[in-house]
């Protein structure tokens, strides 16, 4: 299944290659559960400890933080149309695990992508 947020994760993968030191400074492993119509449609792992991201559940590493967000909301967050804190407060973004680690993630995920 192809989702709108796939393009964002491709951009994140490219960004990690260019900013490995910045990614490793975050020092965390994040699992994104992207939902469509209320069901998890896809999972992406963002492993900042080794500066890589890939589709699917975490492989051989412990997940520090799990973020669950709808596909369209993930796109809006990445494009700056939806503030992550506001999304969390409205229940559009659910976070389990080390919530403080997500604060370090924001600068790494900023995208100027036009989708």
PDB file of N, CA and C in Angstrom:
ATOM      1  N   UNK A   1       0.839  -1.187   0.000  1.00  0.00           N
ATOM      2  CA  UNK A   1       0.000   0.000   0.000  1.00  0.00           C
ATOM      3  C   UNK A   1       0.883   1.250   0.000  1.00  0.00           C
ATOM      4  N   UNK A   2       0.566   2.166  -0.857  1.00  0.00           N
ATOM      5  CA  UNK A   2       1.317   3.409  -0.942  1.00  0.00           C
ATOM      6  C   UNK A   2       0.587   4.501  -0.163  1.00  0.00           C
ATOM      7  N   UNK A   3       1.326   5.186   0.690  1.00  0.00           N
ATOM      8  CA  UNK A   3       0.752   6.257   1.507  1.00  0.00           C
ATOM      9  C   UNK A   3       1.403   7.587   1.161  1.00  0.00           C
ATOM     10  N   UNK A   4       0.699   8.674   1.465  1.00  0.00           N
ATOM     11  CA  UNK A   4       1.257  10.009   1.218  1.00  0.00           C
ATOM     12  C   UNK A   4       2.550  10.218   1.998  1.00  0.00           C
ATOM     13  N   UNK A   5       2.594   9.682   3.220  1.00  0.00           N
ATOM     14  CA  UNK A   5       3.759   9.896   4.081  1.00  0.00           C
ATOM     15  C   UNK A   5       5.002   9.132   3.612  1.00  0.00           C
ATOM     16  N   UNK A   6       4.854   8.206   2.669  1.00  0.00           N
ATOM     17  CA  UNK A   6       6.020   7.471   2.154  1.00  0.00           C
ATOM     18  C   UNK A   6       7.083   8.441   1.632  1.00  0.00           C
ATOM     19  N   UNK A   7       6.643   9.499   0.962  1.00  0.00           N
ATOM     20  CA  UNK A   7       7.580  10.489   0.407  1.00  0.00           C
ATOM     21  C   UNK A   7       8.357  11.183   1.524  1.00  0.00           C
ATOM     22  N   UNK A   8       7.693  11.393   2.647  1.00  0.00           N
ATOM     23  CA  UNK A   8       8.357  12.039   3.788  1.00  0.00           C
ATOM     24  C   UNK A   8       9.429  11.127   4.353  1.00  0.00           C
ATOM     25  N   UNK A   9       9.104   9.842   4.483  1.00  0.00           N
ATOM     26  CA  UNK A   9      10.100   8.913   5.009  1.00  0.00           C
ATOM     27  C   UNK A   9      11.266   8.738   4.048  1.00  0.00           C
ATOM     28  N   UNK A  10      11.021   8.809   2.742  1.00  0.00           N
ATOM     29  CA  UNK A  10      12.129   8.771   1.774  1.00  0.00           C
ATOM     30  C   UNK A  10      13.040   9.978   1.977  1.00  0.00           C
ATOM     31  N   UNK A  11      12.429  11.130   2.226  1.00  0.00           N
ATOM     32  CA  UNK A  11      13.186  12.361   2.476  1.00  0.00           C
ATOM     33  C   UNK A  11      13.998  12.228   3.775  1.00  0.00           C
ATOM     34  N   UNK A  12      13.402  11.607   4.789  1.00  0.00           N
ATOM     35  CA  UNK A  12      14.095  11.384   6.068  1.00  0.00           C
ATOM     36  C   UNK A  12      15.304  10.475   5.848  1.00  0.00           C
ATOM     37  N   UNK A  13      15.116   9.416   5.064  1.00  0.00           N
ATOM     38  CA  UNK A  13      16.218   8.481   4.776  1.00  0.00           C
ATOM     39  C   UNK A  13      17.376   9.231   4.114  1.00  0.00           C
ATOM     40  N   UNK A  14      17.059  10.082   3.124  1.00  0.00           N
ATOM     41  CA  UNK A  14      18.095  10.878   2.449  1.00  0.00           C
ATOM     42  C   UNK A  14      18.744  11.850   3.428  1.00  0.00           C
ATOM     43  N   UNK A  15      17.928  12.485   4.261  1.00  0.00           N
ATOM     44  CA  UNK A  15      18.432  13.454   5.233  1.00  0.00           C
ATOM     45  C   UNK A  15      19.366  12.831   6.253  1.00  0.00           C
ATOM     46  N   UNK A  16      19.076  11.603   6.649  1.00  0.00           N
ATOM     47  CA  UNK A  16      19.939  10.912   7.614  1.00  0.00           C
ATOM     48  C   UNK A  16      21.314  10.652   7.029  1.00  0.00           C
ATOM     49  N   UNK A  17      21.364  10.337   5.739  1.00  0.00           N
ATOM     50  CA  UNK A  17      22.654  10.085   5.085  1.00  0.00           C
ATOM     51  C   UNK A  17      23.518  11.339   5.097  1.00  0.00           C
ATOM     52  N   UNK A  18      22.852  12.500   4.936  1.00  0.00           N
ATOM     53  CA  UNK A  18      23.576  13.770   4.886  1.00  0.00           C
ATOM     54  C   UNK A  18      23.897  14.324   6.277  1.00  0.00           C
ATOM     55  N   UNK A  19      23.168  13.891   7.293  1.00  0.00           N
ATOM     56  CA  UNK A  19      23.319  14.444   8.649  1.00  0.00           C
ATOM     57  C   UNK A  19      23.515  13.354   9.692  1.00  0.00           C
ATOM     58  N   UNK A  20      24.441  12.454   9.442  1.00  0.00           N
ATOM     59  CA  UNK A  20      24.623  11.326  10.360  1.00  0.00           C
ATOM     60  C   UNK A  20      24.982  11.762  11.774  1.00  0.00           C
ATOM     61  N   UNK A  21      25.833  12.762  11.904  1.00  0.00           N
ATOM     62  CA  UNK A  21      26.242  13.223  13.240  1.00  0.00           C
ATOM     63  C   UNK A  21      25.053  13.813  13.999  1.00  0.00           C
ATOM     64  N   UNK A  22      24.243  14.583  13.288  1.00  0.00           N
ATOM     65  CA  UNK A  22      23.050  15.191  13.884  1.00  0.00           C
ATOM     66  C   UNK A  22      22.073  14.097  14.340  1.00  0.00           C
ATOM     67  N   UNK A  23      21.905  13.078  13.511  1.00  0.00           N
ATOM     68  CA  UNK A  23      21.004  11.972  13.840  1.00  0.00           C
ATOM     69  C   UNK A  23      21.506  11.210  15.064  1.00  0.00           C
ATOM     70  N   UNK A  24      22.792  10.910  15.081  1.00  0.00           N
ATOM     71  CA  UNK A  24      23.361  10.151  16.198  1.00  0.00           C
ATOM     72  C   UNK A  24      23.298  10.933  17.502  1.00  0.00           C
ATOM     73  N   UNK A  25      23.283  12.267  17.420  1.00  0.00           N
ATOM     74  CA  UNK A  25      23.160  13.106  18.621  1.00  0.00           C
ATOM     75  C   UNK A  25      21.794  12.920  19.278  1.00  0.00           C
ATOM     76  N   UNK A  26      20.777  12.565  18.494  1.00  0.00           N
ATOM     77  CA  UNK A  26      19.433  12.303  19.036  1.00  0.00           C
ATOM     78  C   UNK A  26      19.483  11.046  19.911  1.00  0.00           C
ATOM     79  N   UNK A  27      20.272  10.054  19.459  1.00  0.00           N
ATOM     80  CA  UNK A  27      20.537   8.848  20.227  1.00  0.00           C
ATOM     81  C   UNK A  27      19.269   8.113  20.675  1.00  0.00           C
ATOM     82  N   UNK A  28      18.385   7.855  19.725  1.00  0.00           N
ATOM     83  CA  UNK A  28      17.154   7.139  20.056  1.00  0.00           C
ATOM     84  C   UNK A  28      16.644   6.343  18.875  1.00  0.00           C
ATOM     85  N   UNK A  29      15.746   5.402  19.162  1.00  0.00           N
ATOM     86  CA  UNK A  29      15.117   4.599  18.114  1.00  0.00           C
ATOM     87  C   UNK A  29      13.611   4.853  18.185  1.00  0.00           C
ATOM     88  N   UNK A  30      13.049   5.250  17.062  1.00  0.00           N
ATOM     89  CA  UNK A  30      11.638   5.615  16.984  1.00  0.00           C
ATOM     90  C   UNK A  30      10.910   4.679  16.033  1.00  0.00           C
ATOM     91  N   UNK A  31       9.720   4.260  16.437  1.00  0.00           N
ATOM     92  CA  UNK A  31       8.875   3.456  15.569  1.00  0.00           C
ATOM     93  C   UNK A  31       7.643   4.285  15.244  1.00  0.00           C
ATOM     94  N   UNK A  32       7.452   4.540  13.962  1.00  0.00           N
ATOM     95  CA  UNK A  32       6.268   5.276  13.502  1.00  0.00           C
ATOM     96  C   UNK A  32       5.226   4.275  13.042  1.00  0.00           C
ATOM     97  N   UNK A  33       4.037   4.368  13.577  1.00  0.00           N
ATOM     98  CA  UNK A  33       2.912   3.566  13.113  1.00  0.00           C
ATOM     99  C   UNK A  33       1.988   4.522  12.375  1.00  0.00           C
ATOM    100  N   UNK A  34       1.941   4.374  11.069  1.00  0.00           N
ATOM    101  CA  UNK A  34       1.137   5.261  10.219  1.00  0.00           C
ATOM    102  C   UNK A  34      -0.217   4.597   9.995  1.00  0.00           C
ATOM    103  N   UNK A  35      -1.272   5.340  10.332  1.00  0.00           N
ATOM    104  CA  UNK A  35      -2.612   4.765  10.221  1.00  0.00           C
ATOM    105  C   UNK A  35      -3.376   5.336   9.031  1.00  0.00           C
ATOM    106  N   UNK A  36      -4.287   4.530   8.554  1.00  0.00           N
ATOM    107  CA  UNK A  36      -5.201   4.921   7.481  1.00  0.00           C
ATOM    108  C   UNK A  36      -6.559   4.365   7.889  1.00  0.00           C
ATOM    109  N   UNK A  37      -7.548   5.216   7.958  1.00  0.00           N
ATOM    110  CA  UNK A  37      -8.896   4.811   8.383  1.00  0.00           C
ATOM    111  C   UNK A  37      -8.878   4.125   9.754  1.00  0.00           C
ATOM    112  N   UNK A  38      -8.038   4.641  10.655  1.00  0.00           N
ATOM    113  CA  UNK A  38      -8.008   4.141  12.027  1.00  0.00           C
ATOM    114  C   UNK A  38      -7.224   2.858  12.258  1.00  0.00           C
ATOM    115  N   UNK A  39      -6.651   2.279  11.204  1.00  0.00           N
ATOM    116  CA  UNK A  39      -5.875   1.040  11.340  1.00  0.00           C
ATOM    117  C   UNK A  39      -4.425   1.297  10.928  1.00  0.00           C
ATOM    118  N   UNK A  40      -3.500   0.608  11.590  1.00  0.00           N
ATOM    119  CA  UNK A  40      -2.086   0.753  11.227  1.00  0.00           C
ATOM    120  C   UNK A  40      -1.890   0.188   9.819  1.00  0.00           C
ATOM    121  N   UNK A  41      -1.451   1.055   8.905  1.00  0.00           N
ATOM    122  CA  UNK A  41      -1.266   0.665   7.506  1.00  0.00           C
ATOM    123  C   UNK A  41       0.200   0.360   7.197  1.00  0.00           C
ATOM    124  N   UNK A  42       1.099   1.023   7.926  1.00  0.00           N
ATOM    125  CA  UNK A  42       2.523   0.869   7.647  1.00  0.00           C
ATOM    126  C   UNK A  42       3.322   1.254   8.888  1.00  0.00           C
ATOM    127  N   UNK A  43       4.486   0.634   9.047  1.00  0.00           N
ATOM    128  CA  UNK A  43       5.394   0.994  10.134  1.00  0.00           C
ATOM    129  C   UNK A  43       6.738   1.403   9.530  1.00  0.00           C
ATOM    130  N   UNK A  44       7.340   2.412  10.149  1.00  0.00           N
ATOM    131  CA  UNK A  44       8.677   2.863   9.755  1.00  0.00           C
ATOM    132  C   UNK A  44       9.531   2.952  11.008  1.00  0.00           C
ATOM    133  N   UNK A  45      10.772   2.531  10.901  1.00  0.00           N
ATOM    134  CA  UNK A  45      11.706   2.637  12.012  1.00  0.00           C
ATOM    135  C   UNK A  45      12.725   3.715  11.680  1.00  0.00           C
ATOM    136  N   UNK A  46      12.916   4.604  12.634  1.00  0.00           N
ATOM    137  CA  UNK A  46      13.913   5.663  12.519  1.00  0.00           C
ATOM    138  C   UNK A  46      14.937   5.400  13.615  1.00  0.00           C
ATOM    139  N   UNK A  47      16.072   4.826  13.218  1.00  0.00           N
ATOM    140  CA  UNK A  47      17.125   4.447  14.158  1.00  0.00           C
ATOM    141  C   UNK A  47      18.209   5.513  14.141  1.00  0.00           C
ATOM    142  N   UNK A  48      18.081   6.469  15.054  1.00  0.00           N
ATOM    143  CA  UNK A  48      19.051   7.571  15.088  1.00  0.00           C
ATOM    144  C   UNK A  48      20.386   7.137  15.691  1.00  0.00           C
ATOM    145  N   UNK A  49      20.398   6.036  16.414  1.00  0.00           N
ATOM    146  CA  UNK A  49      21.658   5.557  16.996  1.00  0.00           C
ATOM    147  C   UNK A  49      22.632   5.140  15.899  1.00  0.00           C
ATOM    148  N   UNK A  50      22.093   4.578  14.816  1.00  0.00           N
ATOM    149  CA  UNK A  50      22.968   4.195  13.701  1.00  0.00           C
ATOM    150  C   UNK A  50      22.660   4.997  12.436  1.00  0.00           C
ATOM    151  N   UNK A  51      21.895   6.077  12.597  1.00  0.00           N
ATOM    152  CA  UNK A  51      21.588   7.017  11.504  1.00  0.00           C
ATOM    153  C   UNK A  51      21.001   6.333  10.271  1.00  0.00           C
ATOM    154  N   UNK A  52      19.933   5.553  10.489  1.00  0.00           N
ATOM    155  CA  UNK A  52      19.255   4.953   9.343  1.00  0.00           C
ATOM    156  C   UNK A  52      17.752   4.852   9.618  1.00  0.00           C
ATOM    157  N   UNK A  53      17.011   4.782   8.540  1.00  0.00           N
ATOM    158  CA  UNK A  53      15.558   4.627   8.625  1.00  0.00           C
ATOM    159  C   UNK A  53      15.149   3.593   7.592  1.00  0.00           C
ATOM    160  N   UNK A  54      14.109   2.840   7.914  1.00  0.00           N
ATOM    161  CA  UNK A  54      13.648   1.808   6.990  1.00  0.00           C
ATOM    162  C   UNK A  54      12.192   1.461   7.277  1.00  0.00           C
ATOM    163  N   UNK A  55      11.551   0.903   6.270  1.00  0.00           N
ATOM    164  CA  UNK A  55      10.160   0.488   6.419  1.00  0.00           C
ATOM    165  C   UNK A  55      10.110  -0.810   7.212  1.00  0.00           C
ATOM    166  N   UNK A  56       9.153  -0.884   8.132  1.00  0.00           N
ATOM    167  CA  UNK A  56       8.959  -2.099   8.924  1.00  0.00           C
ATOM    168  C   UNK A  56       9.341  -1.896  10.374  1.00  0.00           C
ATOM    169  N   UNK A  57       9.102  -2.927  11.201  1.00  0.00           N
ATOM    170  CA  UNK A  57       9.419  -2.828  12.622  1.00  0.00           C
ATOM    171  C   UNK A  57      10.931  -2.802  12.864  1.00  0.00           C
ATOM    172  N   UNK A  58      11.320  -2.376  14.053  1.00  0.00           N
ATOM    173  CA  UNK A  58      12.743  -2.285  14.422  1.00  0.00           C
ATOM    174  C   UNK A  58      13.407  -3.650  14.317  1.00  0.00           C
ATOM    175  N   UNK A  59      14.625  -3.654  13.762  1.00  0.00           N
ATOM    176  CA  UNK A  59      15.369  -4.901  13.571  1.00  0.00           C
ATOM    177  C   UNK A  59      16.615  -4.900  14.446  1.00  0.00           C
ATOM    178  N   UNK A  60      16.584  -5.713  15.494  1.00  0.00           N
ATOM    179  CA  UNK A  60      17.763  -5.879  16.348  1.00  0.00           C
ATOM    180  C   UNK A  60      18.069  -4.716  17.269  1.00  0.00           C
ATOM    181  N   UNK A  61      17.145  -3.789  17.407  1.00  0.00           N
ATOM    182  CA  UNK A  61      17.339  -2.658  18.330  1.00  0.00           C
ATOM    183  C   UNK A  61      16.068  -2.469  19.162  1.00  0.00           C
ATOM    184  N   UNK A  62      16.257  -1.886  20.351  1.00  0.00           N
ATOM    185  CA  UNK A  62      15.118  -1.618  21.228  1.00  0.00           C
ATOM    186  C   UNK A  62      14.524  -0.264  20.860  1.00  0.00           C
ATOM    187  N   UNK A  63      13.221  -0.239  20.685  1.00  0.00           N
ATOM    188  CA  UNK A  63      12.526   1.016  20.355  1.00  0.00           C
ATOM    189  C   UNK A  63      12.380   1.845  21.626  1.00  0.00           C
ATOM    190  N   UNK A  64      12.802   3.112  21.557  1.00  0.00           N
ATOM    191  CA  UNK A  64      12.672   4.024  22.700  1.00  0.00           C
ATOM    192  C   UNK A  64      11.305   4.691  22.731  1.00  0.00           C
ATOM    193  N   UNK A  65      10.810   5.052  21.549  1.00  0.00           N
ATOM    194  CA  UNK A  65       9.562   5.806  21.451  1.00  0.00           C
ATOM    195  C   UNK A  65       8.751   5.325  20.252  1.00  0.00           C
ATOM    196  N   UNK A  66       7.459   5.107  20.484  1.00  0.00           N
ATOM    197  CA  UNK A  66       6.545   4.725  19.406  1.00  0.00           C
ATOM    198  C   UNK A  66       5.580   5.878  19.166  1.00  0.00           C
ATOM    199  N   UNK A  67       5.494   6.294  17.913  1.00  0.00           N
ATOM    200  CA  UNK A  67       4.588   7.385  17.541  1.00  0.00           C
ATOM    201  C   UNK A  67       3.530   6.828  16.605  1.00  0.00           C
ATOM    202  N   UNK A  68       2.279   7.070  16.925  1.00  0.00           N
ATOM    203  CA  UNK A  68       1.171   6.621  16.076  1.00  0.00           C
ATOM    204  C   UNK A  68       0.462   7.854  15.547  1.00  0.00           C
ATOM    205  N   UNK A  69       0.366   7.941  14.225  1.00  0.00           N
ATOM    206  CA  UNK A  69      -0.208   9.130  13.589  1.00  0.00           C
ATOM    207  C   UNK A  69      -0.853   8.740  12.255  1.00  0.00           C
ATOM    208  N   UNK A  70      -1.931   9.420  11.914  1.00  0.00           N
ATOM    209  CA  UNK A  70      -2.593   9.185  10.628  1.00  0.00           C
ATOM    210  C   UNK A  70      -1.700   9.676   9.490  1.00  0.00           C
ATOM    211  N   UNK A  71      -1.801   9.014   8.360  1.00  0.00           N
ATOM    212  CA  UNK A  71      -0.991   9.341   7.185  1.00  0.00           C
ATOM    213  C   UNK A  71      -1.058  10.836   6.854  1.00  0.00           C
ATOM    214  N   UNK A  72      -2.275  11.379   6.728  1.00  0.00           N
ATOM    215  CA  UNK A  72      -2.423  12.794   6.343  1.00  0.00           C
ATOM    216  C   UNK A  72      -1.893  13.746   7.416  1.00  0.00           C
ATOM    217  N   UNK A  73      -2.012  13.367   8.695  1.00  0.00           N
ATOM    218  CA  UNK A  73      -1.478  14.205   9.772  1.00  0.00           C
ATOM    219  C   UNK A  73       0.048  14.202   9.765  1.00  0.00           C
ATOM    220  N   UNK A  74       0.660  13.063   9.436  1.00  0.00           N
ATOM    221  CA  UNK A  74       2.124  12.980   9.329  1.00  0.00           C
ATOM    222  C   UNK A  74       2.616  13.931   8.242  1.00  0.00           C
ATOM    223  N   UNK A  75       1.902  13.974   7.130  1.00  0.00           N
ATOM    224  CA  UNK A  75       2.256  14.876   6.028  1.00  0.00           C
ATOM    225  C   UNK A  75       2.150  16.322   6.502  1.00  0.00           C
ATOM    226  N   UNK A  76       1.049  16.664   7.178  1.00  0.00           N
ATOM    227  CA  UNK A  76       0.849  18.042   7.661  1.00  0.00           C
ATOM    228  C   UNK A  76       1.918  18.443   8.679  1.00  0.00           C
ATOM    229  N   UNK A  77       2.311  17.510   9.544  1.00  0.00           N
ATOM    230  CA  UNK A  77       3.365  17.798  10.530  1.00  0.00           C
ATOM    231  C   UNK A  77       4.679  18.076   9.799  1.00  0.00           C
ATOM    232  N   UNK A  78       5.021  17.224   8.836  1.00  0.00           N
ATOM    233  CA  UNK A  78       6.286  17.371   8.110  1.00  0.00           C
ATOM    234  C   UNK A  78       6.339  18.666   7.306  1.00  0.00           C
ATOM    235  N   UNK A  79       5.188  19.092   6.785  1.00  0.00           N
ATOM    236  CA  UNK A  79       5.153  20.318   5.981  1.00  0.00           C
ATOM    237  C   UNK A  79       4.986  21.577   6.837  1.00  0.00           C
ATOM    238  N   UNK A  80       4.860  21.382   8.156  1.00  0.00           N
ATOM    239  CA  UNK A  80       4.728  22.531   9.051  1.00  0.00           C
ATOM    240  C   UNK A  80       3.315  23.073   9.154  1.00  0.00           C
ATOM    241  N   UNK A  81       2.340  22.371   8.577  1.00  0.00           N
ATOM    242  CA  UNK A  81       0.948  22.825   8.642  1.00  0.00           C
ATOM    243  C   UNK A  81       0.308  22.448   9.976  1.00  0.00           C
ATOM    244  N   UNK A  82       0.872  21.431  10.638  1.00  0.00           N
ATOM    245  CA  UNK A  82       0.350  20.961  11.913  1.00  0.00           C
ATOM    246  C   UNK A  82       1.501  20.882  12.899  1.00  0.00           C
ATOM    247  N   UNK A  83       1.382  21.618  14.000  1.00  0.00           N
ATOM    248  CA  UNK A  83       2.399  21.622  15.040  1.00  0.00           C
ATOM    249  C   UNK A  83       2.355  20.270  15.761  1.00  0.00           C
ATOM    250  N   UNK A  84       3.510  19.607  15.944  1.00  0.00           N
ATOM    251  CA  UNK A  84       3.509  18.293  16.598  1.00  0.00           C
ATOM    252  C   UNK A  84       2.913  18.327  18.014  1.00  0.00           C
ATOM    253  N   UNK A  85       3.219  19.388  18.776  1.00  0.00           N
ATOM    254  CA  UNK A  85       2.677  19.486  20.135  1.00  0.00           C
ATOM    255  C   UNK A  85       1.157  19.630  20.096  1.00  0.00           C
ATOM    256  N   UNK A  86       0.658  20.431  19.159  1.00  0.00           N
ATOM    257  CA  UNK A  86      -0.791  20.609  19.010  1.00  0.00           C
ATOM    258  C   UNK A  86      -1.439  19.292  18.584  1.00  0.00           C
ATOM    259  N   UNK A  87      -0.785  18.567  17.685  1.00  0.00           N
ATOM    260  CA  UNK A  87      -1.299  17.275  17.227  1.00  0.00           C
ATOM    261  C   UNK A  87      -1.396  16.305  18.406  1.00  0.00           C
ATOM    262  N   UNK A  88      -0.384  16.330  19.274  1.00  0.00           N
ATOM    263  CA  UNK A  88      -0.373  15.465  20.455  1.00  0.00           C
ATOM    264  C   UNK A  88      -1.522  15.838  21.396  1.00  0.00           C
ATOM    265  N   UNK A  89      -1.679  17.132  21.640  1.00  0.00           N
ATOM    266  CA  UNK A  89      -2.731  17.605  22.550  1.00  0.00           C
ATOM    267  C   UNK A  89      -4.134  17.276  22.020  1.00  0.00           C
ATOM    268  N   UNK A  90      -4.288  17.289  20.704  1.00  0.00           N
ATOM    269  CA  UNK A  90      -5.597  17.003  20.092  1.00  0.00           C
ATOM    270  C   UNK A  90      -5.832  15.502  19.910  1.00  0.00           C
ATOM    271  N   UNK A  91      -4.830  14.692  20.272  1.00  0.00           N
ATOM    272  CA  UNK A  91      -4.972  13.245  20.130  1.00  0.00           C
ATOM    273  C   UNK A  91      -4.694  12.735  18.728  1.00  0.00           C
ATOM    274  N   UNK A  92      -4.191  13.610  17.849  1.00  0.00           N
ATOM    275  CA  UNK A  92      -3.875  13.190  16.479  1.00  0.00           C
ATOM    276  C   UNK A  92      -2.533  12.462  16.411  1.00  0.00           C
ATOM    277  N   UNK A  93      -1.688  12.716  17.412  1.00  0.00           N
ATOM    278  CA  UNK A  93      -0.377  12.082  17.497  1.00  0.00           C
ATOM    279  C   UNK A  93      -0.287  11.412  18.863  1.00  0.00           C
ATOM    280  N   UNK A  94      -0.125  10.096  18.857  1.00  0.00           N
ATOM    281  CA  UNK A  94      -0.002   9.359  20.115  1.00  0.00           C
ATOM    282  C   UNK A  94       1.449   8.934  20.275  1.00  0.00           C
ATOM    283  N   UNK A  95       1.966   9.131  21.481  1.00  0.00           N
ATOM    284  CA  UNK A  95       3.367   8.816  21.739  1.00  0.00           C
ATOM    285  C   UNK A  95       3.454   7.884  22.949  1.00  0.00           C
ATOM    286  N   UNK A  96       4.168   6.780  22.789  1.00  0.00           N
ATOM    287  CA  UNK A  96       4.402   5.847  23.886  1.00  0.00           C
ATOM    288  C   UNK A  96       5.906   5.696  24.066  1.00  0.00           C
ATOM    289  N   UNK A  97       6.335   5.586  25.311  1.00  0.00           N
ATOM    290  CA  UNK A  97       7.769   5.439  25.577  1.00  0.00           C
ATOM    291  C   UNK A  97       8.362   6.767  26.019  1.00  0.00           C
ATOM    292  N   UNK A  98       9.597   7.023  25.587  1.00  0.00           N
ATOM    293  CA  UNK A  98      10.336   8.217  26.007  1.00  0.00           C
ATOM    294  C   UNK A  98       9.868   9.445  25.216  1.00  0.00           C
ATOM    295  N   UNK A  99       8.884  10.124  25.777  1.00  0.00           N
ATOM    296  CA  UNK A  99       8.276  11.274  25.098  1.00  0.00           C
ATOM    297  C   UNK A  99       9.272  12.439  24.947  1.00  0.00           C
ATOM    298  N   UNK A 100      10.193  12.596  25.879  1.00  0.00           N
ATOM    299  CA  UNK A 100      11.154  13.704  25.824  1.00  0.00           C
ATOM    300  C   UNK A 100      12.122  13.558  24.644  1.00  0.00           C
ATOM    301  N   UNK A 101      12.360  12.330  24.242  1.00  0.00           N
ATOM    302  CA  UNK A 101      13.261  12.078  23.107  1.00  0.00           C
ATOM    303  C   UNK A 101      12.701  12.668  21.818  1.00  0.00           C
ATOM    304  N   UNK A 102      11.376  12.739  21.722  1.00  0.00           N
ATOM    305  CA  UNK A 102      10.757  13.265  20.504  1.00  0.00           C
ATOM    306  C   UNK A 102      11.080  14.746  20.307  1.00  0.00           C
ATOM    307  N   UNK A 103      11.363  15.473  21.393  1.00  0.00           N
ATOM    308  CA  UNK A 103      11.719  16.884  21.284  1.00  0.00           C
ATOM    309  C   UNK A 103      13.016  17.068  20.488  1.00  0.00           C
ATOM    310  N   UNK A 104      13.941  16.116  20.642  1.00  0.00           N
ATOM    311  CA  UNK A 104      15.221  16.181  19.921  1.00  0.00           C
ATOM    312  C   UNK A 104      15.050  15.862  18.438  1.00  0.00           C
ATOM    313  N   UNK A 105      13.949  15.183  18.133  1.00  0.00           N
ATOM    314  CA  UNK A 105      13.720  14.698  16.781  1.00  0.00           C
ATOM    315  C   UNK A 105      13.267  15.798  15.818  1.00  0.00           C
ATOM    316  N   UNK A 106      12.518  16.765  16.328  1.00  0.00           N
ATOM    317  CA  UNK A 106      11.899  17.798  15.486  1.00  0.00           C
ATOM    318  C   UNK A 106      12.857  18.458  14.481  1.00  0.00           C
ATOM    319  N   UNK A 107      14.043  18.944  14.907  1.00  0.00           N
ATOM    320  CA  UNK A 107      14.924  19.614  13.920  1.00  0.00           C
ATOM    321  C   UNK A 107      15.389  18.681  12.809  1.00  0.00           C
ATOM    322  N   UNK A 108      15.483  17.414  13.102  1.00  0.00           N
ATOM    323  CA  UNK A 108      15.944  16.426  12.123  1.00  0.00           C
ATOM    324  C   UNK A 108      14.871  16.167  11.064  1.00  0.00           C
ATOM    325  N   UNK A 109      13.609  16.319  11.431  1.00  0.00           N
ATOM    326  CA  UNK A 109      12.505  15.965  10.539  1.00  0.00           C
ATOM    327  C   UNK A 109      11.971  17.122   9.714  1.00  0.00           C
ATOM    328  N   UNK A 110      12.458  18.319   9.953  1.00  0.00           N
ATOM    329  CA  UNK A 110      11.978  19.473   9.180  1.00  0.00           C
ATOM    330  C   UNK A 110      12.242  19.201   7.703  1.00  0.00           C
ATOM    331  N   UNK A 111      11.217  19.413   6.912  1.00  0.00           N
ATOM    332  CA  UNK A 111      11.365  19.178   5.474  1.00  0.00           C
ATOM    333  C   UNK A 111      10.844  20.378   4.697  1.00  0.00           C
ATOM    334  N   UNK A 112      11.470  20.631   3.572  1.00  0.00           N
ATOM    335  CA  UNK A 112      10.981  21.689   2.693  1.00  0.00           C
ATOM    336  C   UNK A 112      10.350  21.042   1.452  1.00  0.00           C
ATOM    337  N   UNK A 113      10.024  19.759   1.599  1.00  0.00           N
ATOM    338  CA  UNK A 113       9.464  19.007   0.478  1.00  0.00           C
ATOM    339  C   UNK A 113       8.111  19.559   0.070  1.00  0.00           C
ATOM    340  N   UNK A 114       7.910  19.610  -1.202  1.00  0.00           N
ATOM    341  CA  UNK A 114       6.597  20.008  -1.746  1.00  0.00           C
ATOM    342  C   UNK A 114       5.963  18.727  -2.265  1.00  0.00           C
ATOM    343  N   UNK A 115       4.933  18.289  -1.580  1.00  0.00           N
ATOM    344  CA  UNK A 115       4.313  17.020  -1.965  1.00  0.00           C
ATOM    345  C   UNK A 115       3.105  17.248  -2.847  1.00  0.00           C
TER     346      UNK A 115
END
